[in-house]
Each structure stands twice: as C-alpha cells, then as structure tokens.
Amino acid sequence: MRLSRRASWFLTAFGVWSVWIWVTFFKNLWADGEGLAFVHGDHSRPTAYFWIHATLALTSLILGVIVGWIGLRALRGARAEQPAQEAQEA
C-alpha cells in the first residue's frame, strides 16, 4: 500500500506529537503527589489512579511510536521511489 506524501507527513507529525504529549503527561503524573504516595515518603503502593493513567499513557505512547514509524517508512519509501521514477522517464 502506498501513502501520499501528505498522509506520510501527517502520520509522522502525529507520531512526534503523540510521543511528546504522553511523555509530558507521564512526567506530570509521576511528579503528582496524589497518585504516587510512595515517592513522597509513604511506603504504600501507588493508587489505582496512577496505574490507570500510567497504562493509558504507555499505550498511547506505543501507538504514537507505531504511527510515527509508519509515516517515516512511507516518507523514506516515497523518497527512494522518486529517483527510480525520474530514471524511467529519462
């Protein structure tokens, strides 16, 4: 399946945006004292709030990496295909 350059750039940009957003979210989640009591001196376990949101962030981060990877591969494929088409036209 071939993707247009526009679609490839969109997927790549979406992947970068998604990674940035979810890494930032996870850093903020980790720094938050409510969901992660054991970091702040309390030896109790992390709360359900922390685990649910950490799972959400990790899943979204993985999906963002996959989408970005697909976009990058499509861009590289289009770039490699362009010289071949120019050679055939000449």
PDB file of N, CA and C in Angstrom:
ATOM      1  N   MET A   1       0.838  -1.171   0.000  1.00  0.00           N
ATOM      2  CA  MET A   1       0.000   0.000   0.000  1.00  0.00           C
ATOM      3  C   MET A   1       0.891   1.244   0.000  1.00  0.00           C
ATOM      4  N   ARG A   2       0.565   2.192  -0.813  1.00  0.00           N
ATOM      5  CA  ARG A   2       1.303   3.442  -0.884  1.00  0.00           C
ATOM      6  C   ARG A   2       0.520   4.552  -0.203  1.00  0.00           C
ATOM      7  N   LEU A   3       1.254   5.388   0.479  1.00  0.00           N
ATOM      8  CA  LEU A   3       0.647   6.552   1.117  1.00  0.00           C
ATOM      9  C   LEU A   3       1.131   7.801   0.397  1.00  0.00           C
ATOM     10  N   SER A   4       0.275   8.778   0.322  1.00  0.00           N
ATOM     11  CA  SER A   4       0.691  10.045  -0.274  1.00  0.00           C
ATOM     12  C   SER A   4       1.697  10.723   0.654  1.00  0.00           C
ATOM     13  N   ARG A   5       2.415  11.693   0.089  1.00  0.00           N
ATOM     14  CA  ARG A   5       3.376  12.426   0.908  1.00  0.00           C
ATOM     15  C   ARG A   5       2.661  13.176   2.038  1.00  0.00           C
ATOM     16  N   ARG A   6       1.505  13.713   1.723  1.00  0.00           N
ATOM     17  CA  ARG A   6       0.737  14.438   2.733  1.00  0.00           C
ATOM     18  C   ARG A   6       0.342  13.514   3.883  1.00  0.00           C
ATOM     19  N   ALA A   7      -0.150  12.324   3.548  1.00  0.00           N
ATOM     20  CA  ALA A   7      -0.530  11.358   4.587  1.00  0.00           C
ATOM     21  C   ALA A   7       0.694  10.899   5.371  1.00  0.00           C
ATOM     22  N   SER A   8       1.808  10.714   4.695  1.00  0.00           N
ATOM     23  CA  SER A   8       3.037  10.295   5.367  1.00  0.00           C
ATOM     24  C   SER A   8       3.515  11.350   6.349  1.00  0.00           C
ATOM     25  N   TRP A   9       3.497  12.606   5.913  1.00  0.00           N
ATOM     26  CA  TRP A   9       3.898  13.693   6.811  1.00  0.00           C
ATOM     27  C   TRP A   9       2.934  13.818   7.981  1.00  0.00           C
ATOM     28  N   PHE A  10       1.647  13.641   7.734  1.00  0.00           N
ATOM     29  CA  PHE A  10       0.655  13.705   8.812  1.00  0.00           C
ATOM     30  C   PHE A  10       0.917  12.619   9.847  1.00  0.00           C
ATOM     31  N   LEU A  11       1.147  11.391   9.405  1.00  0.00           N
ATOM     32  CA  LEU A  11       1.400  10.296  10.344  1.00  0.00           C
ATOM     33  C   LEU A  11       2.679  10.529  11.141  1.00  0.00           C
ATOM     34  N   THR A  12       3.702  11.022  10.469  1.00  0.00           N
ATOM     35  CA  THR A  12       4.965  11.315  11.153  1.00  0.00           C
ATOM     36  C   THR A  12       4.763  12.408  12.201  1.00  0.00           C
ATOM     37  N   ALA A  13       4.094  13.489  11.804  1.00  0.00           N
ATOM     38  CA  ALA A  13       3.850  14.590  12.741  1.00  0.00           C
ATOM     39  C   ALA A  13       2.971  14.132  13.903  1.00  0.00           C
ATOM     40  N   PHE A  14       1.967  13.321  13.620  1.00  0.00           N
ATOM     41  CA  PHE A  14       1.106  12.812  14.679  1.00  0.00           C
ATOM     42  C   PHE A  14       1.892  11.945  15.655  1.00  0.00           C
ATOM     43  N   GLY A  15       2.792  11.129  15.129  1.00  0.00           N
ATOM     44  CA  GLY A  15       3.625  10.286  15.988  1.00  0.00           C
ATOM     45  C   GLY A  15       4.514  11.111  16.901  1.00  0.00           C
ATOM     46  N   VAL A  16       5.152  12.144  16.353  1.00  0.00           N
ATOM     47  CA  VAL A  16       6.012  13.021  17.158  1.00  0.00           C
ATOM     48  C   VAL A  16       5.179  13.744  18.220  1.00  0.00           C
ATOM     49  N   TRP A  17       4.042  14.284  17.815  1.00  0.00           N
ATOM     50  CA  TRP A  17       3.164  14.991  18.748  1.00  0.00           C
ATOM     51  C   TRP A  17       2.704  14.055  19.863  1.00  0.00           C
ATOM     52  N   SER A  18       2.303  12.852  19.500  1.00  0.00           N
ATOM     53  CA  SER A  18       1.802  11.899  20.479  1.00  0.00           C
ATOM     54  C   SER A  18       2.885  11.515  21.484  1.00  0.00           C
ATOM     55  N   VAL A  19       4.085  11.266  21.008  1.00  0.00           N
ATOM     56  CA  VAL A  19       5.178  10.932  21.923  1.00  0.00           C
ATOM     57  C   VAL A  19       5.440  12.098  22.872  1.00  0.00           C
ATOM     58  N   TRP A  20       5.493  13.307  22.353  1.00  0.00           N
ATOM     59  CA  TRP A  20       5.757  14.480  23.187  1.00  0.00           C
ATOM     60  C   TRP A  20       4.667  14.667  24.244  1.00  0.00           C
ATOM     61  N   ILE A  21       3.425  14.576  23.832  1.00  0.00           N
ATOM     62  CA  ILE A  21       2.302  14.773  24.751  1.00  0.00           C
ATOM     63  C   ILE A  21       2.305  13.727  25.860  1.00  0.00           C
ATOM     64  N   TRP A  22       2.464  12.457  25.504  1.00  0.00           N
ATOM     65  CA  TRP A  22       2.335  11.403  26.507  1.00  0.00           C
ATOM     66  C   TRP A  22       3.560  11.304  27.414  1.00  0.00           C
ATOM     67  N   VAL A  23       4.740  11.640  26.915  1.00  0.00           N
ATOM     68  CA  VAL A  23       5.906  11.691  27.798  1.00  0.00           C
ATOM     69  C   VAL A  23       5.722  12.823  28.818  1.00  0.00           C
ATOM     70  N   THR A  24       5.244  13.974  28.341  1.00  0.00           N
ATOM     71  CA  THR A  24       4.970  15.095  29.242  1.00  0.00           C
ATOM     72  C   THR A  24       3.905  14.714  30.273  1.00  0.00           C
ATOM     73  N   PHE A  25       2.863  14.054  29.827  1.00  0.00           N
ATOM     74  CA  PHE A  25       1.799  13.621  30.735  1.00  0.00           C
ATOM     75  C   PHE A  25       2.348  12.681  31.800  1.00  0.00           C
ATOM     76  N   PHE A  26       3.184  11.716  31.379  1.00  0.00           N
ATOM     77  CA  PHE A  26       3.715  10.758  32.344  1.00  0.00           C
ATOM     78  C   PHE A  26       4.648  11.444  33.347  1.00  0.00           C
ATOM     79  N   LYS A  27       5.451  12.406  32.885  1.00  0.00           N
ATOM     80  CA  LYS A  27       6.308  13.158  33.815  1.00  0.00           C
ATOM     81  C   LYS A  27       5.458  13.895  34.852  1.00  0.00           C
ATOM     82  N   ASN A  28       4.374  14.507  34.398  1.00  0.00           N
ATOM     83  CA  ASN A  28       3.480  15.213  35.317  1.00  0.00           C
ATOM     84  C   ASN A  28       2.775  14.246  36.262  1.00  0.00           C
ATOM     85  N   LEU A  29       2.404  13.086  35.763  1.00  0.00           N
ATOM     86  CA  LEU A  29       1.765  12.070  36.599  1.00  0.00           C
ATOM     87  C   LEU A  29       2.734  11.600  37.674  1.00  0.00           C
ATOM     88  N   TRP A  30       3.974  11.388  37.310  1.00  0.00           N
ATOM     89  CA  TRP A  30       4.985  10.929  38.259  1.00  0.00           C
ATOM     90  C   TRP A  30       5.248  11.991  39.333  1.00  0.00           C
ATOM     91  N   ALA A  31       5.257  13.255  38.918  1.00  0.00           N
ATOM     92  CA  ALA A  31       5.537  14.343  39.859  1.00  0.00           C
ATOM     93  C   ALA A  31       4.354  14.640  40.778  1.00  0.00           C
ATOM     94  N   ASP A  32       3.158  14.209  40.391  1.00  0.00           N
ATOM     95  CA  ASP A  32       1.963  14.461  41.181  1.00  0.00           C
ATOM     96  C   ASP A  32       2.007  13.623  42.457  1.00  0.00           C
ATOM     97  N   GLY A  33       1.752  14.243  43.585  1.00  0.00           N
ATOM     98  CA  GLY A  33       1.834  13.543  44.859  1.00  0.00           C
ATOM     99  C   GLY A  33       0.629  12.698  45.204  1.00  0.00           C
ATOM    100  N   GLU A  34      -0.507  12.933  44.579  1.00  0.00           N
ATOM    101  CA  GLU A  34      -1.717  12.209  44.964  1.00  0.00           C
ATOM    102  C   GLU A  34      -1.719  10.761  44.491  1.00  0.00           C
ATOM    103  N   GLY A  35      -1.315  10.537  43.261  1.00  0.00           N
ATOM    104  CA  GLY A  35      -1.398   9.182  42.717  1.00  0.00           C
ATOM    105  C   GLY A  35      -0.199   8.324  43.049  1.00  0.00           C
ATOM    106  N   LEU A  36       0.882   8.938  43.520  1.00  0.00           N
ATOM    107  CA  LEU A  36       2.120   8.211  43.727  1.00  0.00           C
ATOM    108  C   LEU A  36       2.656   8.486  45.127  1.00  0.00           C
ATOM    109  N   ALA A  37       1.931   8.044  46.118  1.00  0.00           N
ATOM    110  CA  ALA A  37       2.258   8.379  47.503  1.00  0.00           C
ATOM    111  C   ALA A  37       3.606   7.819  47.929  1.00  0.00           C
ATOM    112  N   PHE A  38       4.041   6.682  47.386  1.00  0.00           N
ATOM    113  CA  PHE A  38       5.265   6.057  47.872  1.00  0.00           C
ATOM    114  C   PHE A  38       6.518   6.856  47.522  1.00  0.00           C
ATOM    115  N   VAL A  39       6.461   7.744  46.539  1.00  0.00           N
ATOM    116  CA  VAL A  39       7.610   8.569  46.185  1.00  0.00           C
ATOM    117  C   VAL A  39       7.852   9.636  47.244  1.00  0.00           C
ATOM    118  N   HIS A  40       6.821  10.056  47.905  1.00  0.00           N
ATOM    119  CA  HIS A  40       6.906  11.161  48.857  1.00  0.00           C
ATOM    120  C   HIS A  40       7.027  10.684  50.303  1.00  0.00           C
ATOM    121  N   GLY A  41       7.613   9.533  50.506  1.00  0.00           N
ATOM    122  CA  GLY A  41       7.890   9.079  51.863  1.00  0.00           C
ATOM    123  C   GLY A  41       6.905   8.071  52.416  1.00  0.00           C
ATOM    124  N   ASP A  42       5.730   7.988  51.861  1.00  0.00           N
ATOM    125  CA  ASP A  42       4.759   6.996  52.308  1.00  0.00           C
ATOM    126  C   ASP A  42       5.100   5.683  51.608  1.00  0.00           C
ATOM    127  N   HIS A  43       5.189   4.618  52.357  1.00  0.00           N
ATOM    128  CA  HIS A  43       5.611   3.333  51.789  1.00  0.00           C
ATOM    129  C   HIS A  43       4.445   2.516  51.242  1.00  0.00           C
ATOM    130  N   SER A  44       3.319   3.141  51.073  1.00  0.00           N
ATOM    131  CA  SER A  44       2.181   2.436  50.485  1.00  0.00           C
ATOM    132  C   SER A  44       2.384   2.285  48.985  1.00  0.00           C
ATOM    133  N   ARG A  45       1.547   1.512  48.402  1.00  0.00           N
ATOM    134  CA  ARG A  45       1.648   1.265  46.962  1.00  0.00           C
ATOM    135  C   ARG A  45       0.992   2.391  46.171  1.00  0.00           C
ATOM    136  N   PRO A  46       1.323   2.496  44.870  1.00  0.00           N
ATOM    137  CA  PRO A  46       0.671   3.511  44.025  1.00  0.00           C
ATOM    138  C   PRO A  46      -0.844   3.277  43.982  1.00  0.00           C
ATOM    139  N   THR A  47      -1.578   4.349  43.771  1.00  0.00           N
ATOM    140  CA  THR A  47      -3.038   4.272  43.748  1.00  0.00           C
ATOM    141  C   THR A  47      -3.535   3.744  42.399  1.00  0.00           C
ATOM    142  N   ALA A  48      -4.804   3.390  42.375  1.00  0.00           N
ATOM    143  CA  ALA A  48      -5.425   2.939  41.130  1.00  0.00           C
ATOM    144  C   ALA A  48      -5.403   4.049  40.087  1.00  0.00           C
ATOM    145  N   TYR A  49      -5.569   5.283  40.545  1.00  0.00           N
ATOM    146  CA  TYR A  49      -5.499   6.433  39.637  1.00  0.00           C
ATOM    147  C   TYR A  49      -4.177   6.435  38.878  1.00  0.00           C
ATOM    148  N   PHE A  50      -3.086   6.220  39.607  1.00  0.00           N
ATOM    149  CA  PHE A  50      -1.768   6.197  38.972  1.00  0.00           C
ATOM    150  C   PHE A  50      -1.675   5.075  37.949  1.00  0.00           C
ATOM    151  N   TRP A  51      -2.063   3.859  38.317  1.00  0.00           N
ATOM    152  CA  TRP A  51      -1.921   2.717  37.409  1.00  0.00           C
ATOM    153  C   TRP A  51      -2.785   2.868  36.157  1.00  0.00           C
ATOM    154  N   ILE A  52      -3.992   3.352  36.313  1.00  0.00           N
ATOM    155  CA  ILE A  52      -4.871   3.540  35.149  1.00  0.00           C
ATOM    156  C   ILE A  52      -4.278   4.566  34.192  1.00  0.00           C
ATOM    157  N   HIS A  53      -3.825   5.695  34.728  1.00  0.00           N
ATOM    158  CA  HIS A  53      -3.293   6.742  33.865  1.00  0.00           C
ATOM    159  C   HIS A  53      -1.914   6.396  33.315  1.00  0.00           C
ATOM    160  N   ALA A  54      -1.120   5.662  34.054  1.00  0.00           N
ATOM    161  CA  ALA A  54       0.171   5.204  33.532  1.00  0.00           C
ATOM    162  C   ALA A  54      -0.042   4.220  32.384  1.00  0.00           C
ATOM    163  N   THR A  55      -1.029   3.334  32.526  1.00  0.00           N
ATOM    164  CA  THR A  55      -1.353   2.391  31.445  1.00  0.00           C
ATOM    165  C   THR A  55      -1.860   3.131  30.211  1.00  0.00           C
ATOM    166  N   LEU A  56      -2.708   4.110  30.415  1.00  0.00           N
ATOM    167  CA  LEU A  56      -3.206   4.933  29.313  1.00  0.00           C
ATOM    168  C   LEU A  56      -2.049   5.631  28.599  1.00  0.00           C
ATOM    169  N   ALA A  57      -1.154   6.230  29.365  1.00  0.00           N
ATOM    170  CA  ALA A  57      -0.022   6.950  28.777  1.00  0.00           C
ATOM    171  C   ALA A  57       0.901   5.997  28.022  1.00  0.00           C
ATOM    172  N   LEU A  58       1.204   4.848  28.601  1.00  0.00           N
ATOM    173  CA  LEU A  58       2.093   3.892  27.945  1.00  0.00           C
ATOM    174  C   LEU A  58       1.489   3.354  26.654  1.00  0.00           C
ATOM    175  N   THR A  59       0.210   3.000  26.695  1.00  0.00           N
ATOM    176  CA  THR A  59      -0.465   2.500  25.497  1.00  0.00           C
ATOM    177  C   THR A  59      -0.485   3.556  24.394  1.00  0.00           C
ATOM    178  N   SER A  60      -0.814   4.770  24.742  1.00  0.00           N
ATOM    179  CA  SER A  60      -0.852   5.846  23.755  1.00  0.00           C
ATOM    180  C   SER A  60       0.538   6.170  23.227  1.00  0.00           C
ATOM    181  N   LEU A  61       1.536   6.081  24.074  1.00  0.00           N
ATOM    182  CA  LEU A  61       2.913   6.305  23.658  1.00  0.00           C
ATOM    183  C   LEU A  61       3.346   5.246  22.647  1.00  0.00           C
ATOM    184  N   ILE A  62       3.033   4.004  22.921  1.00  0.00           N
ATOM    185  CA  ILE A  62       3.381   2.916  21.997  1.00  0.00           C
ATOM    186  C   ILE A  62       2.666   3.100  20.659  1.00  0.00           C
ATOM    187  N   LEU A  63       1.382   3.436  20.703  1.00  0.00           N
ATOM    188  CA  LEU A  63       0.640   3.658  19.452  1.00  0.00           C
ATOM    189  C   LEU A  63       1.201   4.852  18.675  1.00  0.00           C
ATOM    190  N   GLY A  64       1.597   5.902  19.379  1.00  0.00           N
ATOM    191  CA  GLY A  64       2.203   7.064  18.726  1.00  0.00           C
ATOM    192  C   GLY A  64       3.513   6.708  18.034  1.00  0.00           C
ATOM    193  N   VAL A  65       4.328   5.882  18.685  1.00  0.00           N
ATOM    194  CA  VAL A  65       5.588   5.443  18.074  1.00  0.00           C
ATOM    195  C   VAL A  65       5.306   4.617  16.821  1.00  0.00           C
ATOM    196  N   ILE A  66       4.334   3.738  16.885  1.00  0.00           N
ATOM    197  CA  ILE A  66       3.995   2.900  15.725  1.00  0.00           C
ATOM    198  C   ILE A  66       3.492   3.756  14.565  1.00  0.00           C
ATOM    199  N   VAL A  67       2.608   4.694  14.844  1.00  0.00           N
ATOM    200  CA  VAL A  67       2.073   5.570  13.794  1.00  0.00           C
ATOM    201  C   VAL A  67       3.188   6.414  13.181  1.00  0.00           C
ATOM    202  N   GLY A  68       4.056   6.961  14.017  1.00  0.00           N
ATOM    203  CA  GLY A  68       5.184   7.739  13.516  1.00  0.00           C
ATOM    204  C   GLY A  68       6.132   6.903  12.680  1.00  0.00           C
ATOM    205  N   TRP A  69       6.360   5.675  13.093  1.00  0.00           N
ATOM    206  CA  TRP A  69       7.232   4.762  12.351  1.00  0.00           C
ATOM    207  C   TRP A  69       6.639   4.460  10.967  1.00  0.00           C
ATOM    208  N   ILE A  70       5.338   4.250  10.902  1.00  0.00           N
ATOM    209  CA  ILE A  70       4.676   4.017   9.613  1.00  0.00           C
ATOM    210  C   ILE A  70       4.841   5.242   8.715  1.00  0.00           C
ATOM    211  N   GLY A  71       4.649   6.429   9.268  1.00  0.00           N
ATOM    212  CA  GLY A  71       4.821   7.656   8.498  1.00  0.00           C
ATOM    213  C   GLY A  71       6.237   7.822   7.993  1.00  0.00           C
ATOM    214  N   LEU A  72       7.230   7.551   8.832  1.00  0.00           N
ATOM    215  CA  LEU A  72       8.633   7.665   8.407  1.00  0.00           C
ATOM    216  C   LEU A  72       8.975   6.655   7.319  1.00  0.00           C
ATOM    217  N   ARG A  73       8.492   5.442   7.469  1.00  0.00           N
ATOM    218  CA  ARG A  73       8.755   4.422   6.434  1.00  0.00           C
ATOM    219  C   ARG A  73       8.117   4.821   5.112  1.00  0.00           C
ATOM    220  N   ALA A  74       6.928   5.389   5.163  1.00  0.00           N
ATOM    221  CA  ALA A  74       6.258   5.828   3.938  1.00  0.00           C
ATOM    222  C   ALA A  74       7.027   6.981   3.292  1.00  0.00           C
ATOM    223  N   LEU A  75       7.548   7.901   4.110  1.00  0.00           N
ATOM    224  CA  LEU A  75       8.344   9.008   3.567  1.00  0.00           C
ATOM    225  C   LEU A  75       9.631   8.500   2.929  1.00  0.00           C
ATOM    226  N   ARG A  76      10.303   7.573   3.604  1.00  0.00           N
ATOM    227  CA  ARG A  76      11.529   7.002   3.034  1.00  0.00           C
ATOM    228  C   ARG A  76      11.245   6.238   1.754  1.00  0.00           C
ATOM    229  N   GLY A  77      10.134   5.521   1.729  1.00  0.00           N
ATOM    230  CA  GLY A  77       9.756   4.782   0.527  1.00  0.00           C
ATOM    231  C   GLY A  77       9.462   5.711  -0.636  1.00  0.00           C
ATOM    232  N   ALA A  78       8.794   6.814  -0.364  1.00  0.00           N
ATOM    233  CA  ALA A  78       8.485   7.793  -1.416  1.00  0.00           C
ATOM    234  C   ALA A  78       9.758   8.459  -1.906  1.00  0.00           C
ATOM    235  N   ARG A  79      10.691   8.725  -1.010  1.00  0.00           N
ATOM    236  CA  ARG A  79      11.949   9.359  -1.387  1.00  0.00           C
ATOM    237  C   ARG A  79      12.797   8.408  -2.239  1.00  0.00           C
ATOM    238  N   ALA A  80      12.812   7.129  -1.905  1.00  0.00           N
ATOM    239  CA  ALA A  80      13.573   6.147  -2.667  1.00  0.00           C
ATOM    240  C   ALA A  80      12.922   5.886  -4.021  1.00  0.00           C
ATOM    241  N   GLU A  81      11.617   5.996  -4.073  1.00  0.00           N
ATOM    242  CA  GLU A  81      10.880   5.743  -5.302  1.00  0.00           C
ATOM    243  C   GLU A  81      11.024   6.889  -6.303  1.00  0.00           C
ATOM    244  N   GLN A  82      11.216   8.086  -5.826  1.00  0.00           N
ATOM    245  CA  GLN A  82      11.295   9.267  -6.692  1.00  0.00           C
ATOM    246  C   GLN A  82      12.461   9.196  -7.689  1.00  0.00           C
ATOM    247  N   PRO A  83      13.704   8.882  -7.286  1.00  0.00           N
ATOM    248  CA  PRO A  83      14.786   8.778  -8.273  1.00  0.00           C
ATOM    249  C   PRO A  83      14.555   7.657  -9.298  1.00  0.00           C
ATOM    250  N   ALA A  84      13.919   6.573  -8.879  1.00  0.00           N
ATOM    251  CA  ALA A  84      13.636   5.478  -9.794  1.00  0.00           C
ATOM    252  C   ALA A  84      12.657   5.930 -10.876  1.00  0.00           C
ATOM    253  N   GLN A  85      11.653   6.711 -10.500  1.00  0.00           N
ATOM    254  CA  GLN A  85      10.695   7.217 -11.479  1.00  0.00           C
ATOM    255  C   GLN A  85      11.354   8.201 -12.428  1.00  0.00           C
ATOM    256  N   GLU A  86      12.261   9.046 -11.918  1.00  0.00           N
ATOM    257  CA  GLU A  86      12.964  10.000 -12.771  1.00  0.00           C
ATOM    258  C   GLU A  86      13.873   9.284 -13.764  1.00  0.00           C
ATOM    259  N   ALA A  87      14.475   8.191 -13.343  1.00  0.00           N
ATOM    260  CA  ALA A  87      15.355   7.430 -14.229  1.00  0.00           C
ATOM    261  C   ALA A  87      14.544   6.762 -15.342  1.00  0.00           C
ATOM    262  N   GLN A  88      13.346   6.306 -15.039  1.00  0.00           N
ATOM    263  CA  GLN A  88      12.493   5.675 -16.047  1.00  0.00           C
ATOM    264  C   GLN A  88      11.991   6.689 -17.064  1.00  0.00           C
ATOM    265  N   GLU A  89      11.758   7.909 -16.616  1.00  0.00           N
ATOM    266  CA  GLU A  89      11.249   8.950 -17.515  1.00  0.00           C
ATOM    267  C   GLU A  89      12.320   9.441 -18.466  1.00  0.00           C
ATOM    268  N   ALA A  90      13.572   9.340 -18.084  1.00  0.00           N
ATOM    269  CA  ALA A  90      14.668   9.856 -18.929  1.00  0.00           C
ATOM    270  C   ALA A  90      15.019   8.930 -20.056  1.00  0.00           C
TER     271      ALA A  90
END
